[in-house]
Structures are given as C-alpha cells and as structure tokens.
Amino acid sequence: MARTTFSGPVASDNGFEGDVTGSVTATDLTTTGTVTIDGTTVIISDLPTTDPGVAGQLYNDGGVLTVSAG
C-alpha cells in the first residue's frame, strides 16, 4: 500500500477502496464495515459487541460505545 499527500484532484489506474467524499484528513483508517461522518454525526457499522481485547479498539457494549483496555 502506498501513502502520500495530495493537494488537488486524485486519479487511480487501479481504483479506490471505499467511498471518500468531502474534506478528509486521516493518519490511518482501516475499516471492514462502514464509517460515515456527516457534520456532527458519526456512524460506525459492524462494531464488535464484546470486548475485542485490543487496547484502544472501539466496541458496542449493549448500546454503549466503549474503548477496550486490551
């Protein structure tokens, strides 16, 4: 995987993974579900429902967004 920074339009001969629209700044973003950020609304689908045991990973603990201690 290549990493770079662009200041204008971007084209790819091999396509892109996922949909990226609007202004986005990220250091690392990896997802197997859907992450939607629209103004003040953030939706993350397919979060684990039990503690994944990975420090810093988010999970859905009965409707409560929780951060795993690892």
N, C-alpha and C. Protein backbone atom coordinates (compact mmCIF):
# COMPACT_ATOMS: atom_id res chain seq x y z
N MET A 1 0.84 -1.16 0.00
CA MET A 1 0.00 0.00 0.00
C MET A 1 0.89 1.23 0.00
N ALA A 2 0.55 2.21 -0.82
CA ALA A 2 1.31 3.46 -0.88
C ALA A 2 0.63 4.52 -0.03
N ARG A 3 1.43 5.43 0.52
CA ARG A 3 0.89 6.55 1.28
C ARG A 3 1.47 7.82 0.70
N THR A 4 0.61 8.82 0.54
CA THR A 4 1.08 10.10 0.04
C THR A 4 0.07 11.17 0.40
N THR A 5 0.40 12.42 0.14
CA THR A 5 -0.49 13.54 0.40
C THR A 5 -0.73 14.28 -0.91
N PHE A 6 -1.98 14.62 -1.16
CA PHE A 6 -2.35 15.32 -2.39
C PHE A 6 -2.97 16.66 -2.05
N SER A 7 -2.76 17.65 -2.91
CA SER A 7 -3.39 18.94 -2.70
C SER A 7 -4.39 19.27 -3.80
N GLY A 8 -4.62 18.34 -4.71
CA GLY A 8 -5.58 18.56 -5.79
C GLY A 8 -6.33 17.28 -6.10
N PRO A 9 -6.99 17.21 -7.26
CA PRO A 9 -7.73 16.01 -7.64
C PRO A 9 -6.82 14.79 -7.74
N VAL A 10 -7.39 13.61 -7.48
CA VAL A 10 -6.63 12.37 -7.48
C VAL A 10 -7.28 11.37 -8.43
N ALA A 11 -6.47 10.67 -9.23
CA ALA A 11 -6.96 9.61 -10.11
C ALA A 11 -6.15 8.35 -9.82
N SER A 12 -6.78 7.19 -10.04
CA SER A 12 -6.09 5.93 -9.81
C SER A 12 -6.34 4.98 -10.97
N ASP A 13 -5.28 4.35 -11.46
CA ASP A 13 -5.43 3.35 -12.52
C ASP A 13 -6.02 2.05 -11.98
N ASN A 14 -5.88 1.82 -10.67
CA ASN A 14 -6.34 0.56 -10.07
C ASN A 14 -7.56 0.74 -9.18
N GLY A 15 -8.20 1.91 -9.21
CA GLY A 15 -9.39 2.13 -8.40
C GLY A 15 -9.07 2.49 -6.96
N PHE A 16 -10.12 2.72 -6.19
CA PHE A 16 -10.01 3.08 -4.79
C PHE A 16 -10.83 2.10 -3.97
N GLU A 17 -10.48 1.93 -2.71
CA GLU A 17 -11.27 1.11 -1.80
C GLU A 17 -12.15 2.04 -0.99
N GLY A 18 -13.46 1.78 -1.00
CA GLY A 18 -14.41 2.59 -0.23
C GLY A 18 -14.71 3.90 -0.91
N ASP A 19 -15.64 4.65 -0.33
CA ASP A 19 -16.05 5.95 -0.84
C ASP A 19 -15.49 7.04 0.05
N VAL A 20 -14.78 7.97 -0.53
CA VAL A 20 -14.27 9.10 0.22
C VAL A 20 -14.78 10.36 -0.46
N THR A 21 -15.51 11.18 0.29
CA THR A 21 -16.03 12.43 -0.27
C THR A 21 -15.78 13.56 0.72
N GLY A 22 -15.81 14.78 0.25
CA GLY A 22 -15.62 15.92 1.13
C GLY A 22 -14.17 16.08 1.55
N SER A 23 -13.96 16.84 2.60
CA SER A 23 -12.63 17.11 3.12
C SER A 23 -12.28 16.08 4.17
N VAL A 24 -11.20 15.33 3.94
CA VAL A 24 -10.82 14.24 4.84
C VAL A 24 -9.35 14.37 5.21
N THR A 25 -9.06 14.27 6.50
CA THR A 25 -7.69 14.20 6.97
C THR A 25 -7.59 12.99 7.90
N ALA A 26 -6.70 12.07 7.60
CA ALA A 26 -6.56 10.88 8.45
C ALA A 26 -5.11 10.43 8.45
N THR A 27 -4.67 9.93 9.58
CA THR A 27 -3.34 9.33 9.66
C THR A 27 -3.43 7.89 9.18
N ASP A 28 -4.35 7.13 9.76
CA ASP A 28 -4.62 5.75 9.35
C ASP A 28 -6.11 5.51 9.46
N LEU A 29 -6.69 4.86 8.48
CA LEU A 29 -8.10 4.49 8.54
C LEU A 29 -8.25 3.13 7.88
N THR A 30 -8.65 2.16 8.67
CA THR A 30 -8.89 0.81 8.17
C THR A 30 -10.28 0.40 8.61
N THR A 31 -11.10 -0.09 7.69
CA THR A 31 -12.45 -0.48 8.05
C THR A 31 -12.90 -1.71 7.27
N THR A 32 -13.63 -2.58 7.93
CA THR A 32 -14.27 -3.70 7.25
C THR A 32 -15.77 -3.45 7.17
N GLY A 33 -16.26 -2.49 7.93
CA GLY A 33 -17.66 -2.09 7.89
C GLY A 33 -17.78 -0.75 7.21
N THR A 34 -18.68 0.08 7.69
CA THR A 34 -18.90 1.40 7.12
C THR A 34 -18.65 2.46 8.18
N VAL A 35 -17.89 3.48 7.84
CA VAL A 35 -17.71 4.63 8.71
C VAL A 35 -18.27 5.83 7.97
N THR A 36 -19.27 6.48 8.56
CA THR A 36 -19.90 7.64 7.95
C THR A 36 -19.76 8.83 8.88
N ILE A 37 -19.19 9.91 8.39
CA ILE A 37 -19.06 11.13 9.17
C ILE A 37 -19.72 12.24 8.36
N ASP A 38 -20.79 12.80 8.91
CA ASP A 38 -21.56 13.83 8.21
C ASP A 38 -21.83 14.96 9.19
N GLY A 39 -21.02 16.00 9.15
CA GLY A 39 -21.20 17.10 10.09
C GLY A 39 -20.89 16.64 11.50
N THR A 40 -21.89 16.61 12.38
CA THR A 40 -21.69 16.20 13.76
C THR A 40 -22.15 14.77 14.00
N THR A 41 -22.51 14.03 12.96
CA THR A 41 -22.98 12.65 13.09
C THR A 41 -21.90 11.68 12.64
N VAL A 42 -21.59 10.70 13.49
CA VAL A 42 -20.62 9.65 13.15
C VAL A 42 -21.33 8.31 13.30
N ILE A 43 -21.31 7.51 12.24
CA ILE A 43 -21.92 6.18 12.26
C ILE A 43 -20.84 5.16 11.91
N ILE A 44 -20.66 4.17 12.77
CA ILE A 44 -19.69 3.10 12.53
C ILE A 44 -20.46 1.79 12.57
N SER A 45 -20.55 1.12 11.44
CA SER A 45 -21.27 -0.15 11.41
C SER A 45 -20.33 -1.31 11.74
N ASP A 46 -20.90 -2.41 12.11
CA ASP A 46 -20.17 -3.66 12.34
C ASP A 46 -19.14 -3.59 13.46
N LEU A 47 -19.40 -2.79 14.49
CA LEU A 47 -18.51 -2.81 15.65
C LEU A 47 -18.69 -4.13 16.39
N PRO A 48 -17.62 -4.66 17.00
CA PRO A 48 -17.78 -5.86 17.81
C PRO A 48 -18.75 -5.57 18.96
N THR A 49 -19.47 -6.60 19.43
CA THR A 49 -20.41 -6.43 20.53
C THR A 49 -19.86 -6.99 21.84
N THR A 50 -18.64 -7.49 21.80
CA THR A 50 -17.94 -7.91 23.01
C THR A 50 -16.54 -7.31 22.96
N ASP A 51 -15.90 -7.20 24.12
CA ASP A 51 -14.57 -6.61 24.21
C ASP A 51 -13.60 -7.40 23.33
N PRO A 52 -13.00 -6.75 22.31
CA PRO A 52 -12.09 -7.45 21.41
C PRO A 52 -10.72 -7.74 22.04
N GLY A 53 -10.43 -7.15 23.19
CA GLY A 53 -9.16 -7.39 23.85
C GLY A 53 -7.98 -6.70 23.18
N VAL A 54 -8.27 -5.68 22.37
CA VAL A 54 -7.23 -4.92 21.68
C VAL A 54 -7.26 -3.50 22.23
N ALA A 55 -6.21 -3.08 22.90
CA ALA A 55 -6.18 -1.76 23.53
C ALA A 55 -6.50 -0.66 22.53
N GLY A 56 -7.49 0.16 22.86
CA GLY A 56 -7.87 1.30 22.02
C GLY A 56 -8.96 1.01 21.01
N GLN A 57 -9.31 -0.26 20.81
CA GLN A 57 -10.34 -0.59 19.83
C GLN A 57 -11.73 -0.32 20.39
N LEU A 58 -12.59 0.27 19.57
CA LEU A 58 -13.96 0.54 19.96
C LEU A 58 -14.81 -0.71 19.84
N TYR A 59 -15.82 -0.82 20.73
CA TYR A 59 -16.82 -1.87 20.58
C TYR A 59 -18.14 -1.40 21.17
N ASN A 60 -19.22 -2.07 20.77
CA ASN A 60 -20.58 -1.72 21.19
C ASN A 60 -20.96 -2.62 22.37
N ASP A 61 -20.95 -2.07 23.55
CA ASP A 61 -21.27 -2.83 24.77
C ASP A 61 -22.72 -2.55 25.15
N GLY A 62 -23.65 -3.26 24.50
CA GLY A 62 -25.07 -3.10 24.80
C GLY A 62 -25.59 -1.70 24.49
N GLY A 63 -25.10 -1.10 23.42
CA GLY A 63 -25.54 0.23 23.02
C GLY A 63 -24.66 1.35 23.56
N VAL A 64 -23.61 1.00 24.31
CA VAL A 64 -22.69 2.00 24.86
C VAL A 64 -21.36 1.87 24.11
N LEU A 65 -20.92 2.97 23.48
CA LEU A 65 -19.64 2.97 22.79
C LEU A 65 -18.54 2.87 23.83
N THR A 66 -17.70 1.83 23.72
CA THR A 66 -16.70 1.53 24.74
C THR A 66 -15.34 1.34 24.08
N VAL A 67 -14.28 1.71 24.78
CA VAL A 67 -12.92 1.55 24.30
C VAL A 67 -12.28 0.40 25.09
N SER A 68 -11.75 -0.57 24.38
CA SER A 68 -11.12 -1.73 25.02
C SER A 68 -9.82 -1.31 25.72
N ALA A 69 -9.62 -1.86 26.90
CA ALA A 69 -8.37 -1.64 27.63
C ALA A 69 -7.29 -2.61 27.16
N GLY A 70 -7.69 -3.60 26.38
CA GLY A 70 -6.71 -4.57 25.86
C GLY A 70 -6.72 -5.87 26.59
